[in-house]
Amino acid sequence: MTGNIPDKPYFRIGEVARLLGTQTHVLRYWEDCFPQLKPVRAASGQRLFRKADMETLLLIKSLLHEEGYTIAGARKRLAEMDQASAKKPAAELGKLKDELQDILRLLD
């Protein structure tokens, strides 16, 4: 998914629209609909999207246009994905802790 995104820190909304093949008003609408999208604002007030925002936008576009989700369904799916990714590091830490305790028992 990230292979098509140029390697630069910020993208202006017009460039994002061109890269995604959509209109700028659609991006502004998605920004209102999806709390995961939080482009920074330049001093001039222009939206500047980061690479993470671009990845989220690609996912939103895929959910809406390719997988047939509604806005509400895509919002829910993104929230589920955020929760799953937040739980993953905690599970990995728990597993690591258990392994370290096993090593301590072996050393005693």
N, C-alpha and C. Protein backbone atom coordinates (compact mmCIF):
# COMPACT_ATOMS: atom_id res chain seq x y z
N MET A 1 0.82 -1.19 0.00
CA MET A 1 0.00 0.00 0.00
C MET A 1 0.86 1.25 0.00
N THR A 2 1.99 1.21 0.71
CA THR A 2 2.82 2.40 0.81
C THR A 2 3.77 2.56 -0.36
N GLY A 3 3.84 1.59 -1.26
CA GLY A 3 4.76 1.65 -2.38
C GLY A 3 4.48 2.79 -3.34
N ASN A 4 3.23 3.22 -3.44
CA ASN A 4 2.86 4.28 -4.37
C ASN A 4 2.99 5.67 -3.78
N ILE A 5 3.28 5.76 -2.50
CA ILE A 5 3.36 7.06 -1.83
C ILE A 5 4.79 7.58 -1.92
N PRO A 6 4.98 8.77 -2.49
CA PRO A 6 6.32 9.35 -2.55
C PRO A 6 6.92 9.51 -1.16
N ASP A 7 8.23 9.43 -1.09
CA ASP A 7 8.92 9.53 0.20
C ASP A 7 9.20 10.99 0.53
N LYS A 8 8.25 11.63 1.17
CA LYS A 8 8.41 13.01 1.63
C LYS A 8 7.56 13.20 2.88
N PRO A 9 7.88 14.16 3.72
CA PRO A 9 7.18 14.27 5.01
C PRO A 9 5.74 14.79 4.92
N TYR A 10 5.47 15.70 4.00
CA TYR A 10 4.14 16.30 3.94
C TYR A 10 3.64 16.38 2.50
N PHE A 11 2.32 16.32 2.38
CA PHE A 11 1.65 16.43 1.09
C PHE A 11 0.53 17.45 1.20
N ARG A 12 0.44 18.34 0.24
CA ARG A 12 -0.67 19.30 0.20
C ARG A 12 -1.91 18.59 -0.32
N ILE A 13 -3.07 19.12 -0.01
CA ILE A 13 -4.33 18.45 -0.33
C ILE A 13 -4.51 18.20 -1.82
N GLY A 14 -4.06 19.13 -2.65
CA GLY A 14 -4.17 18.94 -4.09
C GLY A 14 -3.33 17.76 -4.58
N GLU A 15 -2.14 17.64 -4.00
CA GLU A 15 -1.27 16.52 -4.36
C GLU A 15 -1.86 15.19 -3.89
N VAL A 16 -2.44 15.20 -2.69
CA VAL A 16 -3.08 13.99 -2.16
C VAL A 16 -4.23 13.58 -3.07
N ALA A 17 -5.04 14.54 -3.47
CA ALA A 17 -6.18 14.25 -4.35
C ALA A 17 -5.70 13.64 -5.66
N ARG A 18 -4.63 14.18 -6.21
CA ARG A 18 -4.09 13.67 -7.47
C ARG A 18 -3.56 12.25 -7.29
N LEU A 19 -2.82 12.00 -6.21
CA LEU A 19 -2.26 10.68 -5.96
C LEU A 19 -3.35 9.63 -5.73
N LEU A 20 -4.43 10.03 -5.08
CA LEU A 20 -5.51 9.09 -4.78
C LEU A 20 -6.54 8.99 -5.90
N GLY A 21 -6.48 9.92 -6.83
CA GLY A 21 -7.46 9.92 -7.91
C GLY A 21 -8.84 10.34 -7.43
N THR A 22 -8.88 11.31 -6.56
CA THR A 22 -10.15 11.80 -6.03
C THR A 22 -10.13 13.33 -6.01
N GLN A 23 -11.21 13.92 -5.54
CA GLN A 23 -11.33 15.38 -5.49
C GLN A 23 -10.98 15.89 -4.08
N THR A 24 -10.55 17.15 -4.01
CA THR A 24 -10.19 17.72 -2.71
C THR A 24 -11.38 17.80 -1.77
N HIS A 25 -12.58 18.08 -2.31
CA HIS A 25 -13.75 18.18 -1.42
C HIS A 25 -14.07 16.82 -0.79
N VAL A 26 -13.74 15.73 -1.48
CA VAL A 26 -13.94 14.39 -0.92
C VAL A 26 -12.99 14.18 0.26
N LEU A 27 -11.76 14.63 0.11
CA LEU A 27 -10.78 14.50 1.20
C LEU A 27 -11.20 15.31 2.42
N ARG A 28 -11.72 16.52 2.19
CA ARG A 28 -12.19 17.34 3.31
C ARG A 28 -13.38 16.67 4.00
N TYR A 29 -14.26 16.04 3.20
CA TYR A 29 -15.40 15.33 3.77
C TYR A 29 -14.93 14.13 4.59
N TRP A 30 -13.99 13.36 4.06
CA TRP A 30 -13.46 12.21 4.80
C TRP A 30 -12.79 12.66 6.09
N GLU A 31 -12.15 13.82 6.05
CA GLU A 31 -11.52 14.35 7.26
C GLU A 31 -12.56 14.58 8.35
N ASP A 32 -13.74 15.04 7.96
CA ASP A 32 -14.82 15.24 8.93
C ASP A 32 -15.40 13.92 9.41
N CYS A 33 -15.42 12.91 8.56
CA CYS A 33 -16.06 11.62 8.87
C CYS A 33 -15.18 10.67 9.67
N PHE A 34 -13.88 10.75 9.49
CA PHE A 34 -12.96 9.78 10.08
C PHE A 34 -12.02 10.47 11.07
N PRO A 35 -12.19 10.20 12.37
CA PRO A 35 -11.33 10.85 13.37
C PRO A 35 -9.86 10.47 13.25
N GLN A 36 -9.56 9.39 12.54
CA GLN A 36 -8.16 8.98 12.36
C GLN A 36 -7.39 9.95 11.47
N LEU A 37 -8.10 10.72 10.67
CA LEU A 37 -7.45 11.69 9.79
C LEU A 37 -7.28 13.01 10.52
N LYS A 38 -6.04 13.39 10.73
CA LYS A 38 -5.76 14.65 11.41
C LYS A 38 -4.59 15.35 10.73
N PRO A 39 -4.82 15.89 9.54
CA PRO A 39 -3.70 16.58 8.89
C PRO A 39 -3.29 17.81 9.70
N VAL A 40 -2.01 18.10 9.67
CA VAL A 40 -1.53 19.30 10.36
C VAL A 40 -1.85 20.50 9.48
N ARG A 41 -1.85 21.65 10.10
CA ARG A 41 -2.12 22.89 9.35
C ARG A 41 -0.84 23.71 9.26
N ALA A 42 -0.57 24.19 8.08
CA ALA A 42 0.56 25.10 7.89
C ALA A 42 0.19 26.45 8.47
N ALA A 43 1.15 27.32 8.60
CA ALA A 43 0.89 28.66 9.11
C ALA A 43 -0.14 29.37 8.24
N SER A 44 -0.18 29.01 6.97
CA SER A 44 -1.14 29.61 6.05
C SER A 44 -2.54 29.01 6.20
N GLY A 45 -2.66 27.95 7.00
CA GLY A 45 -3.95 27.30 7.20
C GLY A 45 -4.19 26.12 6.28
N GLN A 46 -3.27 25.89 5.35
CA GLN A 46 -3.43 24.79 4.40
C GLN A 46 -3.18 23.45 5.09
N ARG A 47 -3.98 22.44 4.71
CA ARG A 47 -3.82 21.10 5.24
C ARG A 47 -2.55 20.47 4.69
N LEU A 48 -1.80 19.86 5.58
CA LEU A 48 -0.62 19.11 5.19
C LEU A 48 -0.77 17.68 5.72
N PHE A 49 -0.83 16.73 4.81
CA PHE A 49 -1.03 15.34 5.16
C PHE A 49 0.33 14.65 5.29
N ARG A 50 0.49 13.86 6.35
CA ARG A 50 1.70 13.08 6.56
C ARG A 50 1.56 11.73 5.84
N LYS A 51 2.64 10.98 5.81
CA LYS A 51 2.62 9.67 5.16
C LYS A 51 1.60 8.75 5.83
N ALA A 52 1.50 8.80 7.16
CA ALA A 52 0.51 7.98 7.88
C ALA A 52 -0.91 8.36 7.46
N ASP A 53 -1.14 9.66 7.24
CA ASP A 53 -2.46 10.10 6.76
C ASP A 53 -2.73 9.53 5.37
N MET A 54 -1.70 9.51 4.54
CA MET A 54 -1.85 8.97 3.19
C MET A 54 -2.22 7.49 3.24
N GLU A 55 -1.58 6.74 4.13
CA GLU A 55 -1.89 5.32 4.27
C GLU A 55 -3.33 5.13 4.74
N THR A 56 -3.76 5.96 5.67
CA THR A 56 -5.14 5.90 6.16
C THR A 56 -6.11 6.24 5.03
N LEU A 57 -5.79 7.25 4.25
CA LEU A 57 -6.65 7.63 3.13
C LEU A 57 -6.75 6.51 2.09
N LEU A 58 -5.64 5.85 1.82
CA LEU A 58 -5.67 4.72 0.89
C LEU A 58 -6.56 3.60 1.42
N LEU A 59 -6.48 3.36 2.72
CA LEU A 59 -7.32 2.34 3.33
C LEU A 59 -8.79 2.73 3.27
N ILE A 60 -9.10 3.99 3.56
CA ILE A 60 -10.48 4.48 3.50
C ILE A 60 -11.02 4.34 2.08
N LYS A 61 -10.22 4.75 1.11
CA LYS A 61 -10.65 4.65 -0.28
C LYS A 61 -10.92 3.19 -0.66
N SER A 62 -10.06 2.30 -0.22
CA SER A 62 -10.24 0.88 -0.51
C SER A 62 -11.52 0.34 0.14
N LEU A 63 -11.73 0.70 1.41
CA LEU A 63 -12.93 0.23 2.11
C LEU A 63 -14.20 0.73 1.42
N LEU A 64 -14.20 1.98 1.01
CA LEU A 64 -15.40 2.58 0.42
C LEU A 64 -15.62 2.15 -1.03
N HIS A 65 -14.57 2.19 -1.82
CA HIS A 65 -14.73 1.99 -3.26
C HIS A 65 -14.54 0.55 -3.73
N GLU A 66 -13.67 -0.18 -3.06
CA GLU A 66 -13.39 -1.55 -3.51
C GLU A 66 -14.17 -2.59 -2.70
N GLU A 67 -14.29 -2.36 -1.40
CA GLU A 67 -14.95 -3.35 -0.55
C GLU A 67 -16.43 -3.03 -0.31
N GLY A 68 -16.88 -1.86 -0.73
CA GLY A 68 -18.29 -1.53 -0.68
C GLY A 68 -18.82 -1.12 0.68
N TYR A 69 -17.96 -0.71 1.60
CA TYR A 69 -18.41 -0.25 2.90
C TYR A 69 -19.13 1.09 2.77
N THR A 70 -20.05 1.35 3.68
CA THR A 70 -20.63 2.68 3.81
C THR A 70 -19.65 3.52 4.64
N ILE A 71 -19.89 4.82 4.73
CA ILE A 71 -19.04 5.67 5.57
C ILE A 71 -19.05 5.15 7.01
N ALA A 72 -20.24 4.87 7.54
CA ALA A 72 -20.36 4.38 8.91
C ALA A 72 -19.65 3.03 9.07
N GLY A 73 -19.81 2.16 8.09
CA GLY A 73 -19.15 0.86 8.16
C GLY A 73 -17.64 0.97 8.09
N ALA A 74 -17.14 1.85 7.24
CA ALA A 74 -15.70 2.06 7.13
C ALA A 74 -15.16 2.68 8.41
N ARG A 75 -15.90 3.62 8.99
CA ARG A 75 -15.48 4.23 10.26
C ARG A 75 -15.37 3.17 11.34
N LYS A 76 -16.37 2.27 11.40
CA LYS A 76 -16.36 1.20 12.39
C LYS A 76 -15.20 0.24 12.14
N ARG A 77 -14.96 -0.10 10.89
CA ARG A 77 -13.88 -1.03 10.55
C ARG A 77 -12.53 -0.43 10.91
N LEU A 78 -12.32 0.85 10.65
CA LEU A 78 -11.07 1.51 11.02
C LEU A 78 -10.88 1.52 12.53
N ALA A 79 -11.96 1.76 13.28
CA ALA A 79 -11.88 1.75 14.73
C ALA A 79 -11.50 0.36 15.23
N GLU A 80 -12.08 -0.67 14.63
CA GLU A 80 -11.74 -2.05 15.00
C GLU A 80 -10.27 -2.34 14.71
N MET A 81 -9.80 -1.87 13.58
CA MET A 81 -8.40 -2.08 13.22
C MET A 81 -7.47 -1.35 14.18
N ASP A 82 -7.85 -0.14 14.60
CA ASP A 82 -7.06 0.61 15.57
C ASP A 82 -6.99 -0.12 16.91
N GLN A 83 -8.13 -0.66 17.35
CA GLN A 83 -8.16 -1.41 18.61
C GLN A 83 -7.29 -2.65 18.53
N ALA A 84 -7.37 -3.37 17.41
CA ALA A 84 -6.58 -4.59 17.25
C ALA A 84 -5.09 -4.28 17.26
N SER A 85 -4.70 -3.20 16.60
CA SER A 85 -3.27 -2.86 16.57
C SER A 85 -2.80 -2.34 17.93
N ALA A 86 -3.69 -1.75 18.72
CA ALA A 86 -3.32 -1.28 20.05
C ALA A 86 -3.15 -2.46 21.01
N LYS A 87 -3.92 -3.52 20.82
CA LYS A 87 -3.83 -4.69 21.69
C LYS A 87 -2.62 -5.54 21.37
N LYS A 88 -2.17 -5.53 20.14
CA LYS A 88 -1.08 -6.39 19.71
C LYS A 88 0.20 -6.15 20.51
N PRO A 89 0.68 -4.91 20.69
CA PRO A 89 1.90 -4.71 21.48
C PRO A 89 1.74 -5.18 22.93
N ALA A 90 0.55 -4.99 23.51
CA ALA A 90 0.34 -5.43 24.89
C ALA A 90 0.44 -6.95 24.98
N ALA A 91 -0.12 -7.65 24.01
CA ALA A 91 -0.04 -9.12 24.00
C ALA A 91 1.41 -9.56 23.83
N GLU A 92 2.15 -8.87 22.96
CA GLU A 92 3.55 -9.21 22.75
C GLU A 92 4.37 -8.96 24.01
N LEU A 93 4.07 -7.88 24.72
CA LEU A 93 4.78 -7.61 25.97
C LEU A 93 4.49 -8.67 27.02
N GLY A 94 3.24 -9.12 27.08
CA GLY A 94 2.87 -10.17 28.02
C GLY A 94 3.62 -11.46 27.73
N LYS A 95 3.74 -11.78 26.43
CA LYS A 95 4.46 -12.99 26.04
C LYS A 95 5.95 -12.86 26.39
N LEU A 96 6.52 -11.69 26.15
CA LEU A 96 7.91 -11.45 26.47
C LEU A 96 8.15 -11.55 27.97
N LYS A 97 7.23 -11.01 28.75
CA LYS A 97 7.34 -11.08 30.20
C LYS A 97 7.34 -12.54 30.68
N ASP A 98 6.44 -13.34 30.12
CA ASP A 98 6.39 -14.75 30.48
C ASP A 98 7.69 -15.47 30.14
N GLU A 99 8.25 -15.16 28.98
CA GLU A 99 9.51 -15.79 28.57
C GLU A 99 10.65 -15.38 29.50
N LEU A 100 10.68 -14.11 29.90
CA LEU A 100 11.72 -13.65 30.81
C LEU A 100 11.58 -14.32 32.19
N GLN A 101 10.35 -14.51 32.64
CA GLN A 101 10.14 -15.19 33.92
C GLN A 101 10.60 -16.64 33.84
N ASP A 102 10.37 -17.29 32.70
CA ASP A 102 10.84 -18.67 32.50
C ASP A 102 12.36 -18.72 32.56
N ILE A 103 13.01 -17.73 31.95
CA ILE A 103 14.49 -17.67 31.98
C ILE A 103 14.97 -17.47 33.41
N LEU A 104 14.31 -16.59 34.17
CA LEU A 104 14.69 -16.37 35.57
C LEU A 104 14.56 -17.65 36.39
N ARG A 105 13.49 -18.42 36.15
CA ARG A 105 13.31 -19.68 36.87
C ARG A 105 14.42 -20.67 36.53
N LEU A 106 14.83 -20.68 35.27
CA LEU A 106 15.93 -21.57 34.86
C LEU A 106 17.25 -21.18 35.52
N LEU A 107 17.44 -19.89 35.70
CA LEU A 107 18.69 -19.41 36.31
C LEU A 107 18.75 -19.64 37.81
N ASP A 108 17.61 -19.76 38.46
CA ASP A 108 17.59 -19.98 39.92
C ASP A 108 17.98 -21.33 40.33
